[in-house]
C-alpha atoms as a PDB file:
ATOM      1  CA  MET A   1    -107.364-176.222 104.367  1.00  0.00           C
ATOM      2  CA  GLY A   2    -107.985-179.238 102.225  1.00  0.00           C
ATOM      3  CA  TYR A   3    -111.418-179.288 103.437  1.00  0.00           C
ATOM      4  CA  ARG A   4    -112.144-176.176 101.937  1.00  0.00           C
ATOM      5  CA  MET A   5    -110.703-176.553  98.838  1.00  0.00           C
ATOM      6  CA  ALA A   6    -112.667-179.727  98.203  1.00  0.00           C
ATOM      7  CA  GLY A   7    -115.320-178.317  99.067  1.00  0.00           C
ATOM      8  CA  ASN A   8    -115.361-175.571  96.734  1.00  0.00           C
ATOM      9  CA  VAL A   9    -113.979-179.078  94.112  1.00  0.00           C
ATOM     10  CA  ARG A  10    -117.862-180.080  95.132  1.00  0.00           C
ATOM     11  CA  THR A  11    -119.509-177.630  94.482  1.00  0.00           C
ATOM     12  CA  LYS A  12    -118.153-176.807  91.378  1.00  0.00           C
ATOM     13  CA  MET A  13    -117.743-179.427  89.726  1.00  0.00           C
ATOM     14  CA  ASP A  14    -120.204-181.504  86.979  1.00  0.00           C
ATOM     15  CA  PRO A  15    -122.891-182.695  89.997  1.00  0.00           C
ATOM     16  CA  THR A  16    -123.175-185.991  88.544  1.00  0.00           C
ATOM     17  CA  SER A  17    -119.299-186.603  88.927  1.00  0.00           C
ATOM     18  CA  THR A  18    -118.301-188.910  91.925  1.00  0.00           C
ATOM     19  CA  LEU A  19    -115.755-186.580  94.344  1.00  0.00           C
ATOM     20  CA  HIS A  20    -113.703-189.632  96.403  1.00  0.00           C
ATOM     21  CA  VAL A  21    -112.655-188.202  99.511  1.00  0.00           C
ATOM     22  CA  LEU A  22    -109.793-189.573 102.307  1.00  0.00           C
ATOM     23  CA  ASP A  23    -108.521-188.539 105.671  1.00  0.00           C
ATOM     24  CA  ILE A  24    -106.500-189.806 108.882  1.00  0.00           C
ATOM     25  CA  ASP A  25    -109.676-188.715 110.809  1.00  0.00           C
ATOM     26  CA  LYS A  26    -113.083-190.403 109.088  1.00  0.00           C
ATOM     27  CA  SER A  27    -115.165-188.289 110.771  1.00  0.00           C
ATOM     28  CA  VAL A  28    -114.106-185.240 108.768  1.00  0.00           C
ATOM     29  CA  CYS A  29    -115.032-187.216 105.664  1.00  0.00           C
ATOM     30  CA  ASP A  30    -118.253-188.018 106.701  1.00  0.00           C
ATOM     31  CA  ARG A  31    -119.221-184.050 108.188  1.00  0.00           C
ATOM     32  CA  PHE A  32    -117.710-183.220 104.543  1.00  0.00           C
ATOM     33  CA  ILE A  33    -120.484-185.464 103.084  1.00  0.00           C
ATOM     34  CA  ASN A  34    -122.918-183.893 105.450  1.00  0.00           C
ATOM     35  CA  GLU A  35    -122.309-180.553 104.459  1.00  0.00           C
ATOM     36  CA  PHE A  36    -121.313-180.810 100.880  1.00  0.00           C
ATOM     37  CA  GLY A  37    -123.333-184.068  99.666  1.00  0.00           C
ATOM     38  CA  SER A  38    -126.580-182.220  98.290  1.00  0.00           C
ATOM     39  CA  PHE A  39    -123.991-180.774  95.547  1.00  0.00           C
ATOM     40  CA  GLY A  40    -123.382-184.395  94.161  1.00  0.00           C
ATOM     41  CA  PRO A  41    -121.765-188.030  95.096  1.00  0.00           C
ATOM     42  CA  ILE A  42    -119.199-188.153  97.392  1.00  0.00           C
ATOM     43  CA  LYS A  43    -117.355-191.461  98.620  1.00  0.00           C
ATOM     44  CA  ILE A  44    -114.859-191.572 101.433  1.00  0.00           C
ATOM     45  CA  GLY A  45    -111.774-193.813  99.829  1.00  0.00           C
ATOM     46  CA  LYS A  46    -110.202-196.434 101.616  1.00  0.00           C
ATOM     47  CA  SER A  47    -106.674-195.810 100.967  1.00  0.00           C
ATOM     48  CA  ALA A  48    -104.885-193.531  98.579  1.00  0.00           C
ATOM     49  CA  LYS A  49    -104.078-196.494  96.190  1.00  0.00           C
ATOM     50  CA  ASP A  50    -108.358-196.981  96.368  1.00  0.00           C
ATOM     51  CA  ILE A  51    -108.393-192.840  95.935  1.00  0.00           C
ATOM     52  CA  ALA A  52    -106.366-193.070  92.385  1.00  0.00           C
ATOM     53  CA  GLN A  53    -107.832-196.378  91.525  1.00  0.00           C
ATOM     54  CA  SER A  54    -111.188-194.515  91.602  1.00  0.00           C
ATOM     55  CA  SER A  55    -110.288-191.479  90.050  1.00  0.00           C
ATOM     56  CA  SER A  56    -108.460-189.663  86.906  1.00  0.00           C
ATOM     57  CA  THR A  57    -107.695-186.601  88.896  1.00  0.00           C
ATOM     58  CA  ILE A  58    -106.060-186.217  92.197  1.00  0.00           C
ATOM     59  CA  ILE A  59    -106.149-183.502  94.723  1.00  0.00           C
ATOM     60  CA  SER A  60    -103.861-183.645  98.091  1.00  0.00           C
ATOM     61  CA  MET A  61    -102.783-181.689 100.608  1.00  0.00           C
ATOM     62  CA  LEU A  62    -100.590-182.991 103.412  1.00  0.00           C
ATOM     63  CA  PRO A  63     -98.381-181.120 106.233  1.00  0.00           C
ATOM     64  CA  MET A  64     -94.762-182.733 105.620  1.00  0.00           C
ATOM     65  CA  ASP A  65     -92.684-184.508 103.395  1.00  0.00           C
ATOM     66  CA  LYS A  66     -93.138-187.095 105.017  1.00  0.00           C
ATOM     67  CA  HIS A  67     -97.033-187.331 104.398  1.00  0.00           C
ATOM     68  CA  VAL A  68     -96.653-187.032 100.866  1.00  0.00           C
ATOM     69  CA  SER A  69     -94.479-189.618 100.680  1.00  0.00           C
ATOM     70  CA  SER A  70     -96.045-191.631 102.423  1.00  0.00           C
ATOM     71  CA  VAL A  71     -99.014-191.107 100.780  1.00  0.00           C
ATOM     72  CA  TYR A  72     -97.550-191.186  97.204  1.00  0.00           C
ATOM     73  CA  LEU A  73     -94.884-193.720  97.577  1.00  0.00           C
ATOM     74  CA  ASP A  74     -96.321-196.468 100.031  1.00  0.00           C
ATOM     75  CA  PRO A  75     -96.081-199.556  98.064  1.00  0.00           C
ATOM     76  CA  VAL A  76     -98.960-201.391  99.518  1.00  0.00           C
ATOM     77  CA  ASN A  77    -101.471-198.640 100.114  1.00  0.00           C
ATOM     78  CA  GLY A  78    -100.017-195.834  98.447  1.00  0.00           C
ATOM     79  CA  ILE A  79    -101.132-194.079  94.623  1.00  0.00           C
ATOM     80  CA  ILE A  80     -97.621-195.906  93.261  1.00  0.00           C
ATOM     81  CA  ALA A  81     -99.882-198.924  93.782  1.00  0.00           C
ATOM     82  CA  ALA A  82    -102.688-198.103  91.761  1.00  0.00           C
ATOM     83  CA  GLU A  83    -102.849-199.395  87.946  1.00  0.00           C
ATOM     84  CA  PRO A  84    -100.728-197.328  85.448  1.00  0.00           C
ATOM     85  CA  ASN A  85    -102.970-194.478  83.914  1.00  0.00           C
ATOM     86  CA  PRO A  86    -101.487-192.382  81.054  1.00  0.00           C
ATOM     87  CA  ASN A  87    -104.483-189.804  81.282  1.00  0.00           C
ATOM     88  CA  ARG A  88    -104.293-189.594  85.298  1.00  0.00           C
ATOM     89  CA  LEU A  89    -103.546-186.123  86.808  1.00  0.00           C
ATOM     90  CA  ALA A  90    -101.966-185.691  90.371  1.00  0.00           C
ATOM     91  CA  LEU A  91    -101.939-182.183  91.577  1.00  0.00           C
ATOM     92  CA  GLU A  92    -100.138-181.959  95.087  1.00  0.00           C
ATOM     93  CA  CYS A  93    -100.676-178.484  96.583  1.00  0.00           C
ATOM     94  CA  SER A  94     -98.741-179.179  99.950  1.00  0.00           C
ATOM     95  CA  THR A  95     -95.872-176.744 101.099  1.00  0.00           C
ATOM     96  CA  ILE A  96     -92.897-179.299 101.065  1.00  0.00           C
ATOM     97  CA  SER A  97     -89.187-179.372 100.076  1.00  0.00           C
ATOM     98  CA  VAL A  98     -88.354-178.712  96.653  1.00  0.00           C
ATOM     99  CA  SER A  99     -86.278-182.108  96.770  1.00  0.00           C
ATOM    100  CA  THR A 100     -89.406-184.559  97.998  1.00  0.00           C
ATOM    101  CA  ALA A 101     -91.506-182.979  95.584  1.00  0.00           C
ATOM    102  CA  GLN A 102     -89.268-184.155  92.692  1.00  0.00           C
ATOM    103  CA  ALA A 103     -88.407-187.285  93.848  1.00  0.00           C
ATOM    104  CA  VAL A 104     -91.918-188.092  94.379  1.00  0.00           C
ATOM    105  CA  GLY A 105     -93.382-186.627  90.764  1.00  0.00           C
ATOM    106  CA  LYS A 106     -90.487-188.466  89.225  1.00  0.00           C
ATOM    107  CA  GLU A 107     -91.120-191.930  90.163  1.00  0.00           C
ATOM    108  CA  ILE A 108     -94.187-191.509  89.943  1.00  0.00           C
ATOM    109  CA  MET A 109     -94.325-190.521  87.114  1.00  0.00           C
ATOM    110  CA  ASP A 110     -91.763-193.569  86.020  1.00  0.00           C
ATOM    111  CA  ALA A 111     -94.320-196.089  87.427  1.00  0.00           C
ATOM    112  CA  GLY A 112     -97.018-194.227  84.805  1.00  0.00           C
ATOM    113  CA  VAL A 113     -99.282-194.238  87.283  1.00  0.00           C
ATOM    114  CA  ALA A 114     -99.818-190.436  86.902  1.00  0.00           C
ATOM    115  CA  HIS A 115     -98.773-186.756  85.597  1.00  0.00           C
ATOM    116  CA  TYR A 116     -98.087-185.341  89.099  1.00  0.00           C
ATOM    117  CA  VAL A 117     -97.459-181.570  88.816  1.00  0.00           C
ATOM    118  CA  ASP A 118     -96.408-179.669  92.533  1.00  0.00           C
ATOM    119  CA  THR A 119     -99.173-177.111  92.607  1.00  0.00           C
ATOM    120  CA  PRO A 120     -98.420-175.082  96.453  1.00  0.00           C
ATOM    121  CA  VAL A 121    -101.011-172.554  97.608  1.00  0.00           C
ATOM    122  CA  SER A 122    -101.331-169.412  98.845  1.00  0.00           C
ATOM    123  CA  GLY A 123    -104.156-167.771 100.220  1.00  0.00           C
ATOM    124  CA  GLY A 124    -104.443-169.202 103.590  1.00  0.00           C
ATOM    125  CA  ILE A 125    -107.634-170.486 105.325  1.00  0.00           C
ATOM    126  CA  MET A 126    -109.836-167.622 104.058  1.00  0.00           C
ATOM    127  CA  GLY A 127    -108.895-167.620 100.373  1.00  0.00           C
ATOM    128  CA  ALA A 128    -109.710-171.792 100.937  1.00  0.00           C
ATOM    129  CA  GLY A 129    -112.795-171.162 101.910  1.00  0.00           C
ATOM    130  CA  ALA A 130    -113.646-168.522  99.391  1.00  0.00           C
ATOM    131  CA  GLY A 131    -112.174-170.126  96.754  1.00  0.00           C
ATOM    132  CA  THR A 132    -109.538-167.171  95.910  1.00  0.00           C
ATOM    133  CA  LEU A 133    -106.371-169.060  96.136  1.00  0.00           C
ATOM    134  CA  SER A 134    -102.713-168.500  94.562  1.00  0.00           C
ATOM    135  CA  PHE A 135    -101.800-171.337  92.595  1.00  0.00           C
ATOM    136  CA  PHE A 136     -97.761-172.289  91.704  1.00  0.00           C
ATOM    137  CA  CYS A 137     -97.846-174.726  88.936  1.00  0.00           C
ATOM    138  CA  GLY A 138     -94.363-176.613  88.372  1.00  0.00           C
ATOM    139  CA  TYR A 139     -95.176-177.305  84.700  1.00  0.00           C
ATOM    140  CA  ALA A 140     -94.532-174.948  81.521  1.00  0.00           C
ATOM    141  CA  GLY A 141     -98.355-173.234  80.979  1.00  0.00           C
ATOM    142  CA  PRO A 142     -99.210-170.519  79.648  1.00  0.00           C
ATOM    143  CA  ALA A 143    -102.754-172.423  79.538  1.00  0.00           C
ATOM    144  CA  ASP A 144    -103.451-172.095  75.833  1.00  0.00           C
ATOM    145  CA  ARG A 145    -100.232-173.985  74.892  1.00  0.00           C
ATOM    146  CA  ASP A 146    -101.384-177.730  75.750  1.00  0.00           C
ATOM    147  CA  ASP A 147    -104.226-180.211  76.582  1.00  0.00           C
ATOM    148  CA  MET A 148    -102.372-180.362  79.949  1.00  0.00           C
ATOM    149  CA  THR A 149    -102.358-176.441  80.984  1.00  0.00           C
ATOM    150  CA  LYS A 150    -105.803-176.291  79.834  1.00  0.00           C
ATOM    151  CA  ARG A 151    -106.653-178.956  81.941  1.00  0.00           C
ATOM    152  CA  ILE A 152    -104.624-178.174  85.288  1.00  0.00           C
ATOM    153  CA  LYS A 153    -105.847-174.384  84.846  1.00  0.00           C
ATOM    154  CA  SER A 154    -109.439-175.982  84.854  1.00  0.00           C
ATOM    155  CA  ILE A 155    -109.366-177.806  87.831  1.00  0.00           C
ATOM    156  CA  LEU A 156    -107.316-175.346  89.970  1.00  0.00           C
ATOM    157  CA  ASP A 157    -110.089-172.927  89.061  1.00  0.00           C
ATOM    158  CA  TYR A 158    -112.667-174.547  90.796  1.00  0.00           C
ATOM    159  CA  MET A 159    -110.541-173.909  93.972  1.00  0.00           C
ATOM    160  CA  GLY A 160    -108.580-170.685  93.133  1.00  0.00           C
ATOM    161  CA  ALA A 161    -108.952-167.409  91.115  1.00  0.00           C
ATOM    162  CA  SER A 162    -107.717-167.750  87.850  1.00  0.00           C
ATOM    163  CA  GLU A 163    -105.342-164.326  87.293  1.00  0.00           C
ATOM    164  CA  ARG A 164    -103.845-166.294  90.161  1.00  0.00           C
ATOM    165  CA  ILE A 165    -103.119-169.839  88.560  1.00  0.00           C
ATOM    166  CA  ASN A 166     -99.088-169.386  87.987  1.00  0.00           C
ATOM    167  CA  PHE A 167     -96.917-171.571  85.612  1.00  0.00           C
ATOM    168  CA  CYS A 168     -93.273-171.685  86.884  1.00  0.00           C
ATOM    169  CA  GLY A 169     -91.998-173.698  84.548  1.00  0.00           C
ATOM    170  CA  LYS A 170     -90.306-177.564  85.565  1.00  0.00           C
ATOM    171  CA  LEU A 171     -91.308-180.154  88.300  1.00  0.00           C
ATOM    172  CA  GLY A 172     -90.184-178.210  91.324  1.00  0.00           C
ATOM    173  CA  ASN A 173     -89.961-174.599  90.329  1.00  0.00           C
ATOM    174  CA  GLY A 174     -93.757-174.590  91.557  1.00  0.00           C
ATOM    175  CA  LEU A 175     -92.522-175.048  94.993  1.00  0.00           C
ATOM    176  CA  VAL A 176     -89.737-172.783  94.476  1.00  0.00           C
ATOM    177  CA  SER A 177     -91.754-169.855  94.112  1.00  0.00           C
ATOM    178  CA  LYS A 178     -94.352-170.620  96.715  1.00  0.00           C
ATOM    179  CA  ILE A 179     -91.058-170.757  99.290  1.00  0.00           C
ATOM    180  CA  VAL A 180     -89.716-167.766  97.882  1.00  0.00           C
ATOM    181  CA  ASN A 181     -93.458-166.047  98.870  1.00  0.00           C
ATOM    182  CA  ASN A 182     -93.474-167.346 102.151  1.00  0.00           C
ATOM    183  CA  TYR A 183     -90.226-166.502 103.124  1.00  0.00           C
ATOM    184  CA  ILE A 184     -90.530-163.057 102.162  1.00  0.00           C
ATOM    185  CA  GLY A 185     -94.140-162.909 103.703  1.00  0.00           C
ATOM    186  CA  LEU A 186     -93.381-164.159 106.844  1.00  0.00           C
ATOM    187  CA  SER A 187     -90.335-162.207 107.232  1.00  0.00           C
ATOM    188  CA  ASN A 188     -92.331-159.465 106.611  1.00  0.00           C
ATOM    189  CA  LEU A 189     -94.617-160.475 109.544  1.00  0.00           C
ATOM    190  CA  VAL A 190     -91.989-159.969 111.945  1.00  0.00           C
ATOM    191  CA  ILE A 191     -90.591-156.759 110.696  1.00  0.00           C
ATOM    192  CA  ALA A 192     -93.752-155.113 110.368  1.00  0.00           C
ATOM    193  CA  SER A 193     -94.740-156.411 114.014  1.00  0.00           C
ATOM    194  CA  GLU A 194     -91.507-154.448 115.057  1.00  0.00           C
ATOM    195  CA  GLY A 195     -92.521-151.357 112.833  1.00  0.00           C
ATOM    196  CA  LEU A 196     -95.811-150.669 113.945  1.00  0.00           C
ATOM    197  CA  SER A 197     -94.390-151.405 117.765  1.00  0.00           C
ATOM    198  CA  PHE A 198     -92.609-148.741 118.078  1.00  0.00           C
ATOM    199  CA  GLY A 199     -94.596-146.335 115.854  1.00  0.00           C
ATOM    200  CA  LEU A 200     -97.264-146.974 118.650  1.00  0.00           C
ATOM    201  CA  ARG A 201     -94.792-146.295 121.173  1.00  0.00           C
ATOM    202  CA  HIS A 202     -94.422-143.126 120.099  1.00  0.00           C
ATOM    203  CA  GLY A 203     -97.963-142.349 120.108  1.00  0.00           C
ATOM    204  CA  VAL A 204     -99.050-142.803 116.547  1.00  0.00           C
ATOM    205  CA  ASP A 205    -102.598-143.999 116.221  1.00  0.00           C
ATOM    206  CA  ILE A 206    -102.832-148.163 114.833  1.00  0.00           C
ATOM    207  CA  HIS A 207    -105.471-146.612 111.873  1.00  0.00           C
ATOM    208  CA  THR A 208    -103.253-143.391 111.470  1.00  0.00           C
ATOM    209  CA  LEU A 209    -100.197-145.742 110.697  1.00  0.00           C
ATOM    210  CA  GLN A 210    -101.803-147.856 108.855  1.00  0.00           C
ATOM    211  CA  GLN A 211    -103.233-145.604 106.696  1.00  0.00           C
ATOM    212  CA  CYS A 212     -99.965-143.825 106.366  1.00  0.00           C
ATOM    213  CA  ILE A 213     -98.401-147.014 104.900  1.00  0.00           C
ATOM    214  CA  LYS A 214    -100.542-147.869 103.024  1.00  0.00           C
ATOM    215  CA  GLY A 215     -99.933-146.789  99.270  1.00  0.00           C
ATOM    216  CA  SER A 216     -96.581-146.033 100.118  1.00  0.00           C
ATOM    217  CA  SER A 217     -93.356-148.045 100.062  1.00  0.00           C
ATOM    218  CA  GLY A 218     -93.831-149.956 103.213  1.00  0.00           C
ATOM    219  CA  ASP A 219     -97.043-151.206 102.401  1.00  0.00           C
ATOM    220  CA  SER A 220     -97.224-154.777 102.282  1.00  0.00           C
ATOM    221  CA  TRP A 221    -100.255-157.649 101.991  1.00  0.00           C
ATOM    222  CA  ILE A 222     -99.594-158.917 105.576  1.00  0.00           C
ATOM    223  CA  LEU A 223    -100.520-154.905 106.682  1.00  0.00           C
ATOM    224  CA  ASN A 224    -103.680-154.847 104.378  1.00  0.00           C
ATOM    225  CA  ASN A 225    -104.961-158.337 105.293  1.00  0.00           C
ATOM    226  CA  THR A 226    -102.946-159.374 108.673  1.00  0.00           C
ATOM    227  CA  SER A 227    -101.888-156.923 109.658  1.00  0.00           C
ATOM    228  CA  PRO A 228    -100.079-157.913 113.621  1.00  0.00           C
ATOM    229  CA  ALA A 229    -101.342-155.368 115.496  1.00  0.00           C
ATOM    230  CA  PRO A 230    -104.729-155.674 117.486  1.00  0.00           C
ATOM    231  CA  GLY A 231    -107.304-153.476 116.313  1.00  0.00           C
ATOM    232  CA  ALA A 232    -106.046-152.732 113.038  1.00  0.00           C
ATOM    233  CA  ILE A 233    -107.457-155.094 110.798  1.00  0.00           C
ATOM    234  CA  PRO A 234    -111.076-156.292 111.971  1.00  0.00           C
ATOM    235  CA  LYS A 235    -111.195-159.920 110.695  1.00  0.00           C
ATOM    236  CA  SER A 236    -107.227-160.655 111.535  1.00  0.00           C
ATOM    237  CA  PRO A 237    -106.289-163.022 113.971  1.00  0.00           C
ATOM    238  CA  ALA A 238    -104.411-160.519 115.647  1.00  0.00           C
ATOM    239  CA  SER A 239    -108.161-158.565 116.167  1.00  0.00           C
ATOM    240  CA  ASN A 240    -109.420-161.660 117.368  1.00  0.00           C
ATOM    241  CA  GLY A 241    -107.524-162.673 119.981  1.00  0.00           C
ATOM    242  CA  PHE A 242    -104.542-164.033 118.117  1.00  0.00           C
ATOM    243  CA  ARG A 243    -106.736-166.645 117.074  1.00  0.00           C
ATOM    244  CA  PRO A 244    -104.963-169.711 114.850  1.00  0.00           C
ATOM    245  CA  GLY A 245    -105.369-168.705 111.280  1.00  0.00           C
ATOM    246  CA  PHE A 246    -101.296-169.435 110.303  1.00  0.00           C
ATOM    247  CA  THR A 247     -99.236-171.287 113.307  1.00  0.00           C
ATOM    248  CA  ASN A 248     -95.692-170.986 114.928  1.00  0.00           C
ATOM    249  CA  ALA A 249     -94.976-174.107 114.017  1.00  0.00           C
ATOM    250  CA  LEU A 250     -95.725-173.647 109.827  1.00  0.00           C
ATOM    251  CA  CYS A 251     -93.834-170.122 110.057  1.00  0.00           C
ATOM    252  CA  ILE A 252     -90.684-172.367 110.940  1.00  0.00           C
ATOM    253  CA  LYS A 253     -91.367-174.679 109.115  1.00  0.00           C
ATOM    254  CA  ASP A 254     -92.063-172.500 105.702  1.00  0.00           C
ATOM    255  CA  LEU A 255     -88.940-170.621 106.574  1.00  0.00           C
ATOM    256  CA  THR A 256     -86.642-173.295 107.557  1.00  0.00           C
ATOM    257  CA  LEU A 257     -88.013-174.594 103.360  1.00  0.00           C
ATOM    258  CA  GLY A 258     -86.436-171.059 102.223  1.00  0.00           C
ATOM    259  CA  VAL A 259     -83.227-171.631 103.792  1.00  0.00           C
ATOM    260  CA  GLU A 260     -82.431-174.241 103.023  1.00  0.00           C
ATOM    261  CA  ALA A 261     -83.652-173.593  99.239  1.00  0.00           C
ATOM    262  CA  ALA A 262     -81.083-170.590  99.373  1.00  0.00           C
ATOM    263  CA  LYS A 263     -78.575-172.590 100.938  1.00  0.00           C
ATOM    264  CA  GLU A 264     -78.530-174.774  97.994  1.00  0.00           C
ATOM    265  CA  VAL A 265     -77.779-172.353  95.817  1.00  0.00           C
ATOM    266  CA  GLY A 266     -75.530-170.267  97.639  1.00  0.00           C
ATOM    267  CA  ILE A 267     -77.415-167.609  99.114  1.00  0.00           C
ATOM    268  CA  PRO A 268     -77.226-166.091 102.447  1.00  0.00           C
ATOM    269  CA  THR A 269     -80.548-165.800 104.743  1.00  0.00           C
ATOM    270  CA  LYS A 270     -79.862-163.891 107.876  1.00  0.00           C
ATOM    271  CA  MET A 271     -83.471-162.264 107.354  1.00  0.00           C
ATOM    272  CA  GLY A 272     -85.079-165.468 107.280  1.00  0.00           C
ATOM    273  CA  GLU A 273     -82.642-166.945 110.393  1.00  0.00           C
ATOM    274  CA  LEU A 274     -83.801-163.877 112.900  1.00  0.00           C
ATOM    275  CA  ALA A 275     -87.013-164.298 111.706  1.00  0.00           C
ATOM    276  CA  ILE A 276     -86.921-168.123 112.284  1.00  0.00           C
ATOM    277  CA  ALA A 277     -85.858-167.139 116.024  1.00  0.00           C
ATOM    278  CA  ARG A 278     -89.006-164.778 116.546  1.00  0.00           C
ATOM    279  CA  TYR A 279     -91.243-167.314 115.884  1.00  0.00           C
ATOM    280  CA  LYS A 280     -89.119-170.351 117.655  1.00  0.00           C
ATOM    281  CA  GLN A 281     -89.736-167.459 120.917  1.00  0.00           C
ATOM    282  CA  SER A 282     -93.271-167.863 120.262  1.00  0.00           C
ATOM    283  CA  GLN A 283     -93.855-171.444 119.530  1.00  0.00           C
ATOM    284  CA  ASP A 284     -91.742-172.337 122.765  1.00  0.00           C
ATOM    285  CA  ASP A 285     -94.043-170.646 124.772  1.00  0.00           C
ATOM    286  CA  PRO A 286     -96.499-172.275 126.362  1.00  0.00           C
ATOM    287  CA  ARG A 287     -98.642-169.712 126.457  1.00  0.00           C
ATOM    288  CA  THR A 288     -98.250-168.161 122.827  1.00  0.00           C
ATOM    289  CA  SER A 289     -97.583-171.382 120.921  1.00  0.00           C
ATOM    290  CA  GLY A 290    -101.024-172.472 120.124  1.00  0.00           C
ATOM    291  CA  LEU A 291    -102.407-169.182 118.845  1.00  0.00           C
ATOM    292  CA  ASP A 292    -101.824-167.730 115.053  1.00  0.00           C
ATOM    293  CA  CYS A 293     -97.664-166.548 114.166  1.00  0.00           C
ATOM    294  CA  SER A 294     -98.471-163.143 114.435  1.00  0.00           C
ATOM    295  CA  SER A 295     -98.499-163.298 118.065  1.00  0.00           C
ATOM    296  CA  VAL A 296     -94.977-162.230 117.957  1.00  0.00           C
ATOM    297  CA  TRP A 297     -96.272-159.148 118.690  1.00  0.00           C
ATOM    298  CA  LEU A 298     -97.322-160.477 122.314  1.00  0.00           C
ATOM    299  CA  HIS A 299     -92.938-161.118 122.939  1.00  0.00           C
ATOM    300  CA  ILE A 300     -92.194-157.856 120.757  1.00  0.00           C
ATOM    301  CA  ASN A 301     -94.323-155.866 123.131  1.00  0.00           C
ATOM    302  CA  ASP A 302     -94.169-157.544 126.326  1.00  0.00           C
ATOM    303  CA  GLN A 303     -97.502-158.465 126.704  1.00  0.00           C
ATOM    304  CA  VAL A 304     -97.233-162.098 126.895  1.00  0.00           C
ATOM    305  CA  ASP A 305     -98.475-162.208 130.283  1.00  0.00           C
ATOM    306  CA  ALA A 306    -101.587-159.089 130.031  1.00  0.00           C
ATOM    307  CA  PHE A 307    -102.917-161.489 127.203  1.00  0.00           C
ATOM    308  CA  ALA A 308    -102.668-165.034 129.035  1.00  0.00           C
ATOM    309  CA  ASN A 309    -104.398-163.184 132.145  1.00  0.00           C
ATOM    310  CA  SER A 310    -106.944-161.742 130.055  1.00  0.00           C
ATOM    311  CA  GLN A 311    -108.318-165.126 128.478  1.00  0.00           C
ATOM    312  CA  PRO A 312    -111.038-167.214 130.087  1.00  0.00           C
ATOM    313  CA  ASN A 313    -108.938-169.480 131.487  1.00  0.00           C
ATOM    314  CA  GLY A 314    -106.075-167.603 132.443  1.00  0.00           C
ATOM    315  CA  HIS A 315    -103.281-169.155 129.996  1.00  0.00           C
END
């Protein structure tokens, strides 16, 4: 995700401005320079502190809460170790817990190092590459209200569709909105898998099923973009050997964030917990653990053995 997002930033930003990049794997940075260096200067940073010190705008995309805390709050190499700058903006795009984002953001802003905004994304790897991501910003907006919202939007426009940049209110509200989105979407993938499965078992053609649902009350983004039924959508992971796009592990992580956020305000989460169990079944099976999350289809249809045996290495 971060690689593709950074590619759009370098492609669209002022060609005379320098883009500073950092990844735990330096070879990724080297590859990035080879691919995008013709669009303008790119420098590899030594640390998060170094990146912040050299930049007026920071964009981060990290796997988990602990990585965000380390990158931002490490007293030696973290962003918080950089010199204070009231004009520096930090856009944190990871999907992490609301409490972590609020704690990290408060500490960064209290130190005067940057104005921190949670800006998680939706749209997956394809959206990151195409520059059509949705953003959920933990800031007031709309974009014409003040200079900061205009600035946030102008930067996110490099990576996302302008009409999909949403201002959700206070710090942490961007993540609340993103977690709600993923909770609904990932639960829907499980429901779609079960529904399409019994429709096929009754003898209805998959394309007929998809067409019947399209535009009806059962329609969804999942069905139109990442249908779990092999052959339904040509570019979907399910139609391409369940090639990983969004993993089972990430589904479990994001749904768990949703369950935790719901419980904090007294909302029961029975559907989400059942969806987590489905993804755990796929994650715990070595034959499907490395596949796309739509591999829950294989378990629902008792097709895991047949799929594994059809692969070149037999597993």
